Amino acid sequence: MYKFHLPALLCALLASLGVTEGAAQNNYDTLPDLGDTSGQIFSPQQDRALGKEFMRQIRQEGLVLDDDEASSYLKNLGHRVAMQSENPGHSFTFFLVNDTRINAFAGPGGYIGTNVGLFTAAETESELAGVLAHEIAHVTQRHLARAFDTASKMSLTNTAALLAAILIGTQDGAAGAAALHAASALSLQQQINFTRANEKEADRVGIRALADAGFDPQGMAGFFEKLQKNARLYGTQPPEFLSTHPVTTDRIAEALSRAAEYPDAKASDELQFQLIRTKLRVASYENPHQVLADFQRFHGKSGGKTAVERYEFALLSEATKDYSEAQRVMQQLHRDDPDRLAYRLALGRIFSNAGELALAADIYKSSLELYPGETTVILPYAGTLMAAGRNEAAYTLLARSSNADPENPKIYKMLAQAAGNNGLKLQTHTAMAEYYYLNGYTPQAVEQMKLAEKTPHLTDYEAARIAARLATLKQEMERDELRK
């Protein structure tokens, strides 16, 4: 067992289990052995706490994609596969990284990130699900925890920040790399790179989960094979995924052979995948006017023949602020498939951008009746209500949503705005505190709670809740300072 330098993060983890910082500092030998594969590594609570810190670091760098619809789709897809994994009770969080490079990664606590570039590179839902199945298997087989065992006396100082940087590829000079020491980053990268045995095990376990979830079992190996064949197009910079997940011809052949043992895929909503993929691709265009012109030359002025083509045409029209044309096409798509949430959300957004707030509110309201509690509807609906001056209704809607989705910082930011519009100073500050905290800005969260503490006429219950939350945030801020 290694003797670790005790960082603030580990203190927080131990404290969450009732172990005091002083006691832990005097008992290094009682710290978890990260190389122990018997299940005595971190407890599930500790692993999840490290994962939450890992996620805060990623949010702090602004790397999480701000697209609730695409994020919700990925979450649902990931959980569908995870339910068929070897540990269906494991907690997973799936999120999109705003990075056009082709990569995906498994972080601590079941936090699994997928780059936008990988999402758009996948051509079928089964290919994307295959990548998620592979990363889920890395988690359930505890590969990341085992990888730490290769480090001699590895300190956990800044582990969450360093993991966040390395797993999303920021050690090459991209966002967040300035905060890291290159040597440390390279060292940890070597430690977390999965071995060939890990990769084959993740393939084997992942393919079974993929097939059991009703997807094409060939999706995983097929996508890996496609990346390998196209690698030569990348020159000296192949897809990041091939660097962190080495793919060999033998491994692909073995995965394809294993996938052939499973029956053909069941029914899958391929259209939904293609719509989300199209939305992400359109959002990445630097010059939508030129893309729209090219689109019309190829598909004609009507906007294409298939639903996906017409949806892309409507989004391109929206991006170029031709809202009337965007409305025409999207309304037709909505009439043809009235329950399709992607069309409803796009139509509401187009109405809102065109200043037709009543129409936008109507489509969001009916969508919420069709999909109760759906965050992807609640957030734009609340924004539309506030734009129309209906702040009380927006606040009520968001307050209920924050209780159902407590780890979504965007909800808290909008809740603070709605509370401010309603003159609710206490709720404004407490909501902003949670927004800052979830994005990794603990000092700013503390300042917001201090302002909340000064709100006149607090009840005893409100004062007690503020004091408790403030004490917790201050402790975390002190630990953050020790970690620097």
Protein backbone atom coordinates (compact mmCIF):
# COMPACT_ATOMS: atom_id res chain seq x y z
CA MET A 1 0.00 0.00 0.00
CA TYR A 2 1.26 3.46 -0.90
CA LYS A 3 1.64 6.35 1.50
CA PHE A 4 0.01 9.36 -0.12
CA HIS A 5 0.52 13.03 0.55
CA LEU A 6 -2.88 14.04 1.87
CA PRO A 7 -4.50 16.68 -0.38
CA ALA A 8 -7.57 18.71 0.33
CA LEU A 9 -9.63 16.57 -2.03
CA LEU A 10 -8.90 13.38 -0.13
CA CYS A 11 -9.64 15.17 3.14
CA ALA A 12 -13.05 16.02 1.69
CA LEU A 13 -13.60 12.42 0.68
CA LEU A 14 -12.62 11.09 4.09
CA ALA A 15 -14.65 13.76 5.85
CA SER A 16 -17.70 12.66 3.91
CA LEU A 17 -17.28 9.28 5.60
CA GLY A 18 -16.84 10.77 9.05
CA VAL A 19 -13.02 10.65 9.15
CA THR A 20 -11.48 13.85 10.46
CA GLU A 21 -8.64 15.54 8.63
CA GLY A 22 -6.35 15.36 11.63
CA ALA A 23 -6.96 11.67 12.14
CA ALA A 24 -6.34 10.96 8.49
CA GLN A 25 -3.06 12.85 8.50
CA ASN A 26 -1.82 10.71 11.35
CA ASN A 27 -2.90 7.45 9.72
CA TYR A 28 -1.53 7.38 6.17
CA ASP A 29 -1.46 3.60 6.23
CA THR A 30 -5.24 3.51 6.48
CA LEU A 31 -5.72 5.29 3.14
CA PRO A 32 -7.30 3.30 0.30
CA ASP A 33 -5.00 1.25 -1.92
CA LEU A 34 -5.75 2.43 -5.44
CA GLY A 35 -4.26 -0.72 -6.91
CA ASP A 36 -6.44 -3.11 -4.93
CA THR A 37 -8.89 -4.81 -7.30
CA SER A 38 -10.78 -6.65 -4.59
CA GLY A 39 -13.31 -3.88 -4.19
CA GLN A 40 -11.55 -2.14 -1.30
CA ILE A 41 -10.25 0.81 -3.35
CA PHE A 42 -12.46 3.82 -2.75
CA SER A 43 -15.92 3.26 -1.41
CA PRO A 44 -18.68 4.11 -3.91
CA GLN A 45 -19.28 7.35 -1.97
CA GLN A 46 -15.61 8.35 -2.19
CA ASP A 47 -15.40 7.44 -5.86
CA ARG A 48 -18.49 9.54 -6.59
CA ALA A 49 -17.10 12.48 -4.60
CA LEU A 50 -13.89 12.38 -6.64
CA GLY A 51 -16.03 12.21 -9.78
CA LYS A 52 -18.01 15.29 -8.76
CA GLU A 53 -14.78 17.22 -8.19
CA PHE A 54 -13.53 15.95 -11.56
CA MET A 55 -16.71 17.27 -13.19
CA ARG A 56 -16.41 20.65 -11.48
CA GLN A 57 -12.88 20.99 -12.90
CA ILE A 58 -14.13 20.27 -16.41
CA ARG A 59 -16.97 22.77 -16.06
CA GLN A 60 -14.55 25.36 -14.70
CA GLU A 61 -12.57 25.16 -17.94
CA GLY A 62 -15.79 25.75 -19.91
CA LEU A 63 -15.47 22.43 -21.71
CA VAL A 64 -18.96 21.03 -21.15
CA LEU A 65 -21.17 21.62 -24.18
CA ASP A 66 -24.09 23.95 -23.47
CA ASP A 67 -26.75 21.99 -25.36
CA ASP A 68 -29.36 20.45 -23.09
CA GLU A 69 -31.10 18.54 -25.87
CA ALA A 70 -27.95 16.79 -27.10
CA SER A 71 -26.80 16.18 -23.52
CA SER A 72 -30.15 14.65 -22.59
CA TYR A 73 -30.03 12.36 -25.62
CA LEU A 74 -26.52 11.18 -24.72
CA LYS A 75 -27.54 10.61 -21.10
CA ASN A 76 -30.53 8.50 -22.10
CA LEU A 77 -28.47 6.52 -24.58
CA GLY A 78 -25.72 5.90 -22.03
CA HIS A 79 -28.12 4.79 -19.32
CA ARG A 80 -29.83 2.40 -21.72
CA VAL A 81 -26.48 0.66 -22.25
CA ALA A 82 -25.41 0.93 -18.60
CA MET A 83 -28.56 -0.90 -17.49
CA GLN A 84 -27.21 -3.96 -19.34
CA SER A 85 -23.67 -3.67 -17.97
CA GLU A 86 -22.09 -6.00 -15.43
CA ASN A 87 -22.98 -3.48 -12.72
CA PRO A 88 -26.37 -2.00 -13.64
CA GLY A 89 -26.67 -0.36 -10.22
CA HIS A 90 -23.55 1.77 -10.77
CA SER A 91 -24.18 5.51 -10.98
CA PHE A 92 -23.16 7.05 -14.32
CA THR A 93 -23.09 10.63 -15.58
CA PHE A 94 -22.77 11.14 -19.33
CA PHE A 95 -21.82 14.53 -20.76
CA LEU A 96 -20.68 16.13 -24.00
CA VAL A 97 -17.32 17.88 -24.30
CA ASN A 98 -17.18 20.89 -26.61
CA ASP A 99 -14.22 19.55 -28.58
CA THR A 100 -14.17 18.62 -32.26
CA ARG A 101 -11.48 15.99 -31.78
CA ILE A 102 -12.61 12.36 -31.90
CA ASN A 103 -12.36 11.10 -28.34
CA ALA A 104 -14.28 9.74 -25.36
CA PHE A 105 -13.12 8.92 -21.84
CA ALA A 106 -14.15 7.37 -18.55
CA GLY A 107 -13.42 9.45 -15.46
CA PRO A 108 -13.77 8.62 -11.76
CA GLY A 109 -17.19 8.08 -10.23
CA GLY A 110 -18.76 6.90 -13.47
CA TYR A 111 -18.41 10.28 -15.23
CA ILE A 112 -18.11 9.55 -18.95
CA GLY A 113 -17.32 12.28 -21.45
CA THR A 114 -17.88 12.19 -25.21
CA ASN A 115 -16.37 14.78 -27.51
CA VAL A 116 -18.69 16.44 -30.02
CA GLY A 117 -16.21 15.34 -32.68
CA LEU A 118 -16.76 11.68 -31.84
CA PHE A 119 -20.54 12.08 -31.79
CA THR A 120 -20.60 13.60 -35.27
CA ALA A 121 -18.02 11.08 -36.57
CA ALA A 122 -20.30 8.17 -35.63
CA GLU A 123 -22.63 7.34 -38.52
CA THR A 124 -25.16 5.21 -36.65
CA GLU A 125 -26.62 5.17 -33.16
CA SER A 126 -25.10 1.74 -32.58
CA GLU A 127 -21.61 3.12 -33.27
CA LEU A 128 -22.06 5.84 -30.67
CA ALA A 129 -23.65 3.39 -28.23
CA GLY A 130 -20.70 1.07 -28.86
CA VAL A 131 -18.22 3.70 -27.71
CA LEU A 132 -20.31 4.36 -24.60
CA ALA A 133 -20.49 0.62 -23.91
CA HIS A 134 -16.70 0.44 -24.13
CA GLU A 135 -16.24 3.34 -21.69
CA ILE A 136 -18.89 1.94 -19.33
CA ALA A 137 -16.95 -1.32 -19.28
CA HIS A 138 -13.77 0.55 -18.30
CA VAL A 139 -15.72 1.82 -15.28
CA THR A 140 -17.40 -1.43 -14.25
CA GLN A 141 -14.12 -3.34 -14.61
CA ARG A 142 -12.34 -0.66 -12.49
CA HIS A 143 -9.62 -0.09 -15.09
CA LEU A 144 -9.01 3.53 -14.11
CA ALA A 145 -8.53 2.59 -10.46
CA ARG A 146 -6.20 -0.25 -11.40
CA ALA A 147 -4.14 2.09 -13.57
CA PHE A 148 -3.18 4.17 -10.54
CA ASP A 149 -1.35 1.11 -9.22
CA THR A 150 1.45 1.70 -11.73
CA ALA A 151 2.47 4.89 -9.94
CA SER A 152 5.03 4.71 -7.14
CA LYS A 153 3.94 6.81 -4.16
CA MET A 154 1.67 8.86 -6.42
CA SER A 155 0.31 11.90 -4.65
CA LEU A 156 -3.39 12.59 -5.00
CA THR A 157 -2.76 16.36 -4.94
CA ASN A 158 -4.67 17.94 -7.79
CA THR A 159 -5.77 14.48 -8.95
CA ALA A 160 -9.20 15.63 -10.05
CA ALA A 161 -7.86 18.64 -11.97
CA LEU A 162 -5.08 16.63 -13.58
CA LEU A 163 -7.41 13.81 -14.56
CA ALA A 164 -9.84 16.29 -16.09
CA ALA A 165 -7.05 17.85 -18.16
CA ILE A 166 -5.51 14.59 -19.32
CA LEU A 167 -8.64 12.63 -20.10
CA ILE A 168 -9.97 15.35 -22.39
CA GLY A 169 -6.59 15.81 -24.04
CA THR A 170 -5.74 19.27 -22.70
CA GLN A 171 -2.14 18.31 -21.96
CA ASP A 172 -1.25 19.31 -25.53
CA GLY A 173 -1.69 23.04 -24.94
CA ALA A 174 -5.45 23.35 -25.34
CA ALA A 175 -7.84 24.83 -22.77
CA GLY A 176 -6.72 24.39 -19.20
CA ALA A 177 -3.22 23.14 -19.95
CA ALA A 178 -1.61 26.32 -18.67
CA ALA A 179 -2.57 25.26 -15.18
CA LEU A 180 -0.66 22.00 -15.45
CA HIS A 181 2.99 21.01 -15.32
CA ALA A 182 3.79 19.15 -18.54
CA ALA A 183 5.95 16.57 -16.83
CA SER A 184 3.25 15.70 -14.32
CA ALA A 185 0.65 15.50 -17.07
CA LEU A 186 2.79 13.20 -19.16
CA SER A 187 3.52 10.99 -16.17
CA LEU A 188 -0.13 10.57 -15.28
CA GLN A 189 -1.06 10.06 -18.93
CA GLN A 190 1.27 7.08 -19.04
CA GLN A 191 -0.33 5.73 -15.88
CA ILE A 192 -3.96 5.97 -17.05
CA ASN A 193 -3.49 4.75 -20.60
CA PHE A 194 -5.38 1.51 -20.69
CA THR A 195 -3.42 -1.66 -21.43
CA ARG A 196 -4.21 -4.02 -24.29
CA ALA A 197 -5.74 -6.41 -21.79
CA ASN A 198 -7.95 -3.60 -20.46
CA GLU A 199 -9.06 -2.70 -23.97
CA LYS A 200 -9.93 -6.27 -24.91
CA GLU A 201 -11.81 -6.73 -21.66
CA ALA A 202 -13.74 -3.50 -22.26
CA ASP A 203 -14.52 -4.73 -25.80
CA ARG A 204 -15.77 -8.10 -24.55
CA VAL A 205 -17.88 -6.72 -21.70
CA GLY A 206 -19.06 -3.74 -23.75
CA ILE A 207 -20.19 -5.77 -26.76
CA ARG A 208 -22.35 -7.96 -24.54
CA ALA A 209 -23.99 -4.90 -22.96
CA LEU A 210 -24.42 -3.30 -26.39
CA ALA A 211 -26.23 -6.36 -27.75
CA ASP A 212 -28.34 -6.81 -24.62
CA ALA A 213 -29.42 -3.15 -24.89
CA GLY A 214 -30.80 -3.83 -28.36
CA PHE A 215 -28.10 -2.21 -30.49
CA ASP A 216 -26.13 -3.65 -33.39
CA PRO A 217 -23.34 -5.62 -31.64
CA GLN A 218 -21.07 -4.79 -34.59
CA GLY A 219 -21.37 -1.08 -33.82
CA MET A 220 -18.36 -0.87 -31.51
CA ALA A 221 -15.88 -2.82 -33.59
CA GLY A 222 -17.19 -1.28 -36.79
CA PHE A 223 -16.52 2.22 -35.52
CA PHE A 224 -13.02 1.31 -34.33
CA GLU A 225 -12.29 -0.26 -37.72
CA LYS A 226 -13.50 2.88 -39.48
CA LEU A 227 -11.22 5.06 -37.35
CA GLN A 228 -8.24 2.85 -38.06
CA LYS A 229 -8.85 2.87 -41.83
CA ASN A 230 -9.22 6.65 -41.87
CA ALA A 231 -6.25 7.27 -39.57
CA ARG A 232 -3.94 7.85 -42.51
CA LEU A 233 -6.02 10.91 -43.43
CA TYR A 234 -4.96 12.55 -40.17
CA GLY A 235 -1.22 12.42 -40.92
CA THR A 236 0.81 12.91 -37.76
CA GLN A 237 -2.31 13.75 -35.72
CA PRO A 238 -4.58 10.69 -35.73
CA PRO A 239 -7.86 10.77 -33.77
CA GLU A 240 -7.22 11.28 -30.05
CA PHE A 241 -9.30 8.16 -29.40
CA LEU A 242 -6.70 5.98 -31.14
CA SER A 243 -4.00 7.37 -28.86
CA THR A 244 -5.86 6.71 -25.61
CA HIS A 245 -7.49 3.48 -26.82
CA PRO A 246 -4.92 1.70 -29.04
CA VAL A 247 -6.62 -0.22 -31.83
CA THR A 248 -4.93 -3.12 -33.63
CA THR A 249 -6.08 -5.27 -36.54
CA ASP A 250 -6.13 -8.34 -34.29
CA ARG A 251 -8.22 -6.55 -31.69
CA ILE A 252 -10.75 -5.40 -34.29
CA ALA A 253 -10.95 -8.89 -35.79
CA GLU A 254 -11.51 -10.41 -32.35
CA ALA A 255 -14.22 -7.84 -31.53
CA LEU A 256 -16.00 -8.40 -34.86
CA SER A 257 -15.89 -12.16 -34.30
CA ARG A 258 -17.28 -11.79 -30.79
CA ALA A 259 -20.05 -9.46 -31.99
CA ALA A 260 -21.07 -12.04 -34.62
CA GLU A 261 -22.06 -14.39 -31.79
CA TYR A 262 -25.01 -12.14 -30.90
CA PRO A 263 -28.33 -11.84 -32.76
CA ASP A 264 -29.19 -8.93 -35.02
CA ALA A 265 -30.13 -5.62 -33.42
CA LYS A 266 -33.63 -4.85 -32.28
CA ALA A 267 -35.51 -1.73 -33.32
CA SER A 268 -33.69 1.53 -32.59
CA ASP A 269 -34.70 5.18 -33.02
CA GLU A 270 -32.06 5.96 -35.62
CA LEU A 271 -33.86 9.17 -36.64
CA GLN A 272 -33.39 10.77 -33.23
CA PHE A 273 -29.65 10.07 -33.35
CA GLN A 274 -29.37 11.55 -36.83
CA LEU A 275 -31.30 14.68 -35.80
CA ILE A 276 -29.06 15.34 -32.79
CA ARG A 277 -25.96 14.61 -34.86
CA THR A 278 -27.17 17.09 -37.49
CA LYS A 279 -27.85 19.74 -34.85
CA LEU A 280 -24.32 19.40 -33.45
CA ARG A 281 -22.81 19.55 -36.91
CA VAL A 282 -24.76 22.68 -37.89
CA ALA A 283 -23.75 24.38 -34.62
CA SER A 284 -20.09 23.80 -35.50
CA TYR A 285 -20.22 25.61 -38.86
CA GLU A 286 -18.24 28.83 -38.88
CA ASN A 287 -19.97 30.11 -42.01
CA PRO A 288 -23.58 28.82 -42.08
CA HIS A 289 -24.41 31.11 -45.04
CA GLN A 290 -21.90 29.30 -47.23
CA VAL A 291 -23.02 25.90 -45.98
CA LEU A 292 -26.64 26.81 -46.72
CA ALA A 293 -25.72 27.89 -50.24
CA ASP A 294 -23.87 24.61 -50.80
CA PHE A 295 -26.80 22.68 -49.32
CA GLN A 296 -29.29 24.32 -51.70
CA ARG A 297 -27.07 23.63 -54.70
CA PHE A 298 -27.02 19.96 -53.79
CA HIS A 299 -30.57 19.44 -52.45
CA GLY A 300 -32.50 22.23 -54.16
CA LYS A 301 -34.35 25.21 -52.74
CA SER A 302 -37.08 23.13 -51.10
CA GLY A 303 -34.78 21.86 -48.36
CA GLY A 304 -34.17 18.22 -49.29
CA LYS A 305 -36.26 15.05 -49.41
CA THR A 306 -35.62 13.19 -46.16
CA ALA A 307 -36.62 14.35 -42.68
CA VAL A 308 -32.97 14.72 -41.68
CA GLU A 309 -32.20 16.84 -44.75
CA ARG A 310 -35.18 19.12 -44.15
CA TYR A 311 -34.29 19.42 -40.48
CA GLU A 312 -30.76 20.47 -41.43
CA PHE A 313 -32.14 22.97 -43.92
CA ALA A 314 -34.39 24.49 -41.23
CA LEU A 315 -31.48 24.76 -38.78
CA LEU A 316 -29.28 26.38 -41.42
CA SER A 317 -32.06 28.85 -42.21
CA GLU A 318 -32.36 29.60 -38.50
CA ALA A 319 -28.58 30.09 -38.23
CA THR A 320 -28.72 32.62 -41.08
CA LYS A 321 -31.72 34.36 -39.39
CA ASP A 322 -34.17 33.41 -42.12
CA TYR A 323 -36.81 32.57 -39.51
CA SER A 324 -39.79 32.49 -41.86
CA GLU A 325 -38.19 29.77 -43.98
CA ALA A 326 -37.03 27.91 -40.88
CA GLN A 327 -40.59 28.02 -39.49
CA ARG A 328 -42.10 26.79 -42.76
CA VAL A 329 -39.94 23.69 -42.91
CA MET A 330 -40.00 22.90 -39.20
CA GLN A 331 -43.78 23.27 -38.95
CA GLN A 332 -44.16 20.74 -41.77
CA LEU A 333 -41.84 18.33 -39.98
CA HIS A 334 -43.84 18.85 -36.78
CA ARG A 335 -47.14 18.16 -38.57
CA ASP A 336 -45.73 14.93 -40.01
CA ASP A 337 -44.38 13.76 -36.63
CA PRO A 338 -46.18 15.78 -33.91
CA ASP A 339 -44.73 13.95 -30.89
CA ARG A 340 -41.09 14.29 -31.98
CA LEU A 341 -39.44 16.38 -29.25
CA ALA A 342 -36.56 17.49 -31.49
CA TYR A 343 -39.03 19.23 -33.83
CA ARG A 344 -40.94 20.79 -30.95
CA LEU A 345 -37.78 22.19 -29.36
CA ALA A 346 -36.49 23.55 -32.66
CA LEU A 347 -39.84 25.13 -33.48
CA GLY A 348 -40.06 26.77 -30.06
CA ARG A 349 -36.55 28.13 -30.40
CA ILE A 350 -37.23 29.47 -33.89
CA PHE A 351 -40.44 31.19 -32.72
CA SER A 352 -38.57 32.70 -29.76
CA ASN A 353 -35.69 33.96 -31.93
CA ALA A 354 -38.21 35.53 -34.28
CA GLY A 355 -39.81 37.37 -31.34
CA GLU A 356 -43.03 35.33 -31.47
CA LEU A 357 -42.98 34.59 -27.74
CA ALA A 358 -46.64 33.55 -27.42
CA LEU A 359 -46.21 30.87 -30.09
CA ALA A 360 -42.98 29.70 -28.47
CA ALA A 361 -44.62 29.48 -25.04
CA ASP A 362 -47.53 27.50 -26.50
CA ILE A 363 -45.29 24.88 -28.12
CA TYR A 364 -43.20 24.54 -24.95
CA LYS A 365 -46.29 24.26 -22.74
CA SER A 366 -47.80 21.50 -24.86
CA SER A 367 -44.41 19.76 -25.01
CA LEU A 368 -44.16 19.79 -21.23
CA GLU A 369 -47.60 18.23 -21.01
CA LEU A 370 -46.40 15.53 -23.38
CA TYR A 371 -43.02 15.13 -21.62
CA PRO A 372 -43.56 16.05 -17.93
CA GLY A 373 -40.45 17.14 -16.05
CA GLU A 374 -38.29 17.21 -19.19
CA THR A 375 -35.42 19.63 -18.48
CA THR A 376 -34.78 20.22 -22.18
CA VAL A 377 -38.28 21.75 -22.36
CA ILE A 378 -38.30 23.49 -18.97
CA LEU A 379 -35.20 25.60 -19.59
CA PRO A 380 -36.22 27.21 -22.92
CA TYR A 381 -39.82 27.49 -21.68
CA ALA A 382 -38.65 29.40 -18.59
CA GLY A 383 -36.48 31.63 -20.76
CA THR A 384 -39.44 32.40 -22.99
CA LEU A 385 -41.67 33.15 -19.99
CA MET A 386 -39.09 35.61 -18.61
CA ALA A 387 -38.71 37.26 -22.01
CA ALA A 388 -42.49 37.72 -22.01
CA GLY A 389 -42.43 39.23 -18.50
CA ARG A 390 -44.00 36.18 -16.84
CA ASN A 391 -41.31 35.95 -14.19
CA GLU A 392 -43.36 34.37 -11.42
CA ALA A 393 -44.36 31.45 -13.63
CA ALA A 394 -40.75 31.04 -14.75
CA TYR A 395 -39.50 31.00 -11.15
CA THR A 396 -42.03 28.37 -10.07
CA LEU A 397 -41.12 26.18 -13.03
CA LEU A 398 -37.37 26.43 -12.40
CA ALA A 399 -37.58 25.97 -8.62
CA ARG A 400 -39.34 22.66 -9.17
CA SER A 401 -36.79 21.64 -11.81
CA SER A 402 -33.77 22.42 -9.61
CA ASN A 403 -35.01 19.92 -7.06
CA ALA A 404 -35.31 17.23 -9.73
CA ASP A 405 -31.94 17.96 -11.40
CA PRO A 406 -29.66 19.31 -8.63
CA GLU A 407 -26.37 18.93 -10.55
CA ASN A 408 -27.35 21.07 -13.54
CA PRO A 409 -25.68 24.50 -13.15
CA LYS A 410 -27.71 26.04 -15.96
CA ILE A 411 -30.92 25.54 -13.99
CA TYR A 412 -29.47 27.45 -11.03
CA LYS A 413 -28.29 30.32 -13.24
CA MET A 414 -31.75 30.72 -14.76
CA LEU A 415 -33.37 30.26 -11.34
CA ALA A 416 -31.23 33.13 -10.00
CA GLN A 417 -32.31 35.30 -12.93
CA ALA A 418 -35.98 34.50 -12.37
CA ALA A 419 -35.65 35.08 -8.62
CA GLY A 420 -33.99 38.43 -9.27
CA ASN A 421 -36.75 39.43 -11.65
CA ASN A 422 -39.24 38.65 -8.88
CA GLY A 423 -37.30 40.61 -6.25
CA LEU A 424 -36.38 37.47 -4.30
CA LYS A 425 -32.91 38.41 -3.03
CA LEU A 426 -32.37 35.36 -0.84
CA GLN A 427 -33.23 32.91 -3.61
CA THR A 428 -31.13 34.88 -6.09
CA HIS A 429 -27.99 34.55 -3.97
CA THR A 430 -28.50 30.91 -2.97
CA ALA A 431 -29.14 29.88 -6.59
CA MET A 432 -26.06 31.76 -7.81
CA ALA A 433 -24.01 30.11 -5.06
CA GLU A 434 -24.93 26.66 -6.40
CA TYR A 435 -24.25 27.78 -9.96
CA TYR A 436 -20.75 28.95 -9.03
CA TYR A 437 -20.04 25.86 -6.94
CA LEU A 438 -21.03 23.40 -9.65
CA ASN A 439 -18.76 25.25 -12.07
CA GLY A 440 -15.79 24.97 -9.73
CA TYR A 441 -15.80 28.53 -8.36
CA THR A 442 -16.08 27.93 -4.62
CA PRO A 443 -14.90 31.42 -3.47
CA GLN A 444 -17.64 33.08 -5.53
CA ALA A 445 -20.15 30.60 -4.10
CA VAL A 446 -19.06 31.59 -0.58
CA GLU A 447 -19.52 35.29 -1.38
CA GLN A 448 -23.05 34.64 -2.66
CA MET A 449 -23.94 32.75 0.53
CA LYS A 450 -22.54 35.61 2.63
CA LEU A 451 -24.86 37.97 0.76
CA ALA A 452 -27.74 35.55 1.36
CA GLU A 453 -26.86 35.58 5.06
CA LYS A 454 -27.42 39.34 5.13
CA THR A 455 -30.93 39.13 3.69
CA PRO A 456 -33.37 40.93 6.04
CA HIS A 457 -36.07 39.08 7.97
CA LEU A 458 -34.72 35.55 7.58
CA THR A 459 -36.63 32.83 9.37
CA ASP A 460 -34.73 30.61 11.81
CA TYR A 461 -34.98 27.76 9.31
CA GLU A 462 -33.58 29.86 6.45
CA ALA A 463 -30.75 31.17 8.62
CA ALA A 464 -29.81 27.66 9.72
CA ARG A 465 -29.76 26.35 6.14
CA ILE A 466 -27.59 29.25 4.98
CA ALA A 467 -25.17 28.81 7.88
CA ALA A 468 -24.81 25.08 7.21
CA ARG A 469 -24.21 25.53 3.49
CA LEU A 470 -21.79 28.41 4.08
CA ALA A 471 -19.77 26.33 6.54
CA THR A 472 -19.48 23.50 4.01
CA LEU A 473 -18.40 25.83 1.21
CA LYS A 474 -15.82 27.54 3.43
CA GLN A 475 -14.32 24.17 4.34
CA GLU A 476 -14.05 23.22 0.67
CA MET A 477 -12.50 26.61 -0.16
CA GLU A 478 -9.85 26.10 2.52
CA ARG A 479 -9.09 22.65 1.15
CA ASP A 480 -8.84 24.10 -2.35
CA GLU A 481 -6.23 26.56 -1.06
CA LEU A 482 -4.22 23.74 0.53
CA ARG A 483 -4.29 21.92 -2.77
CA LYS A 484 -2.60 24.79 -4.64
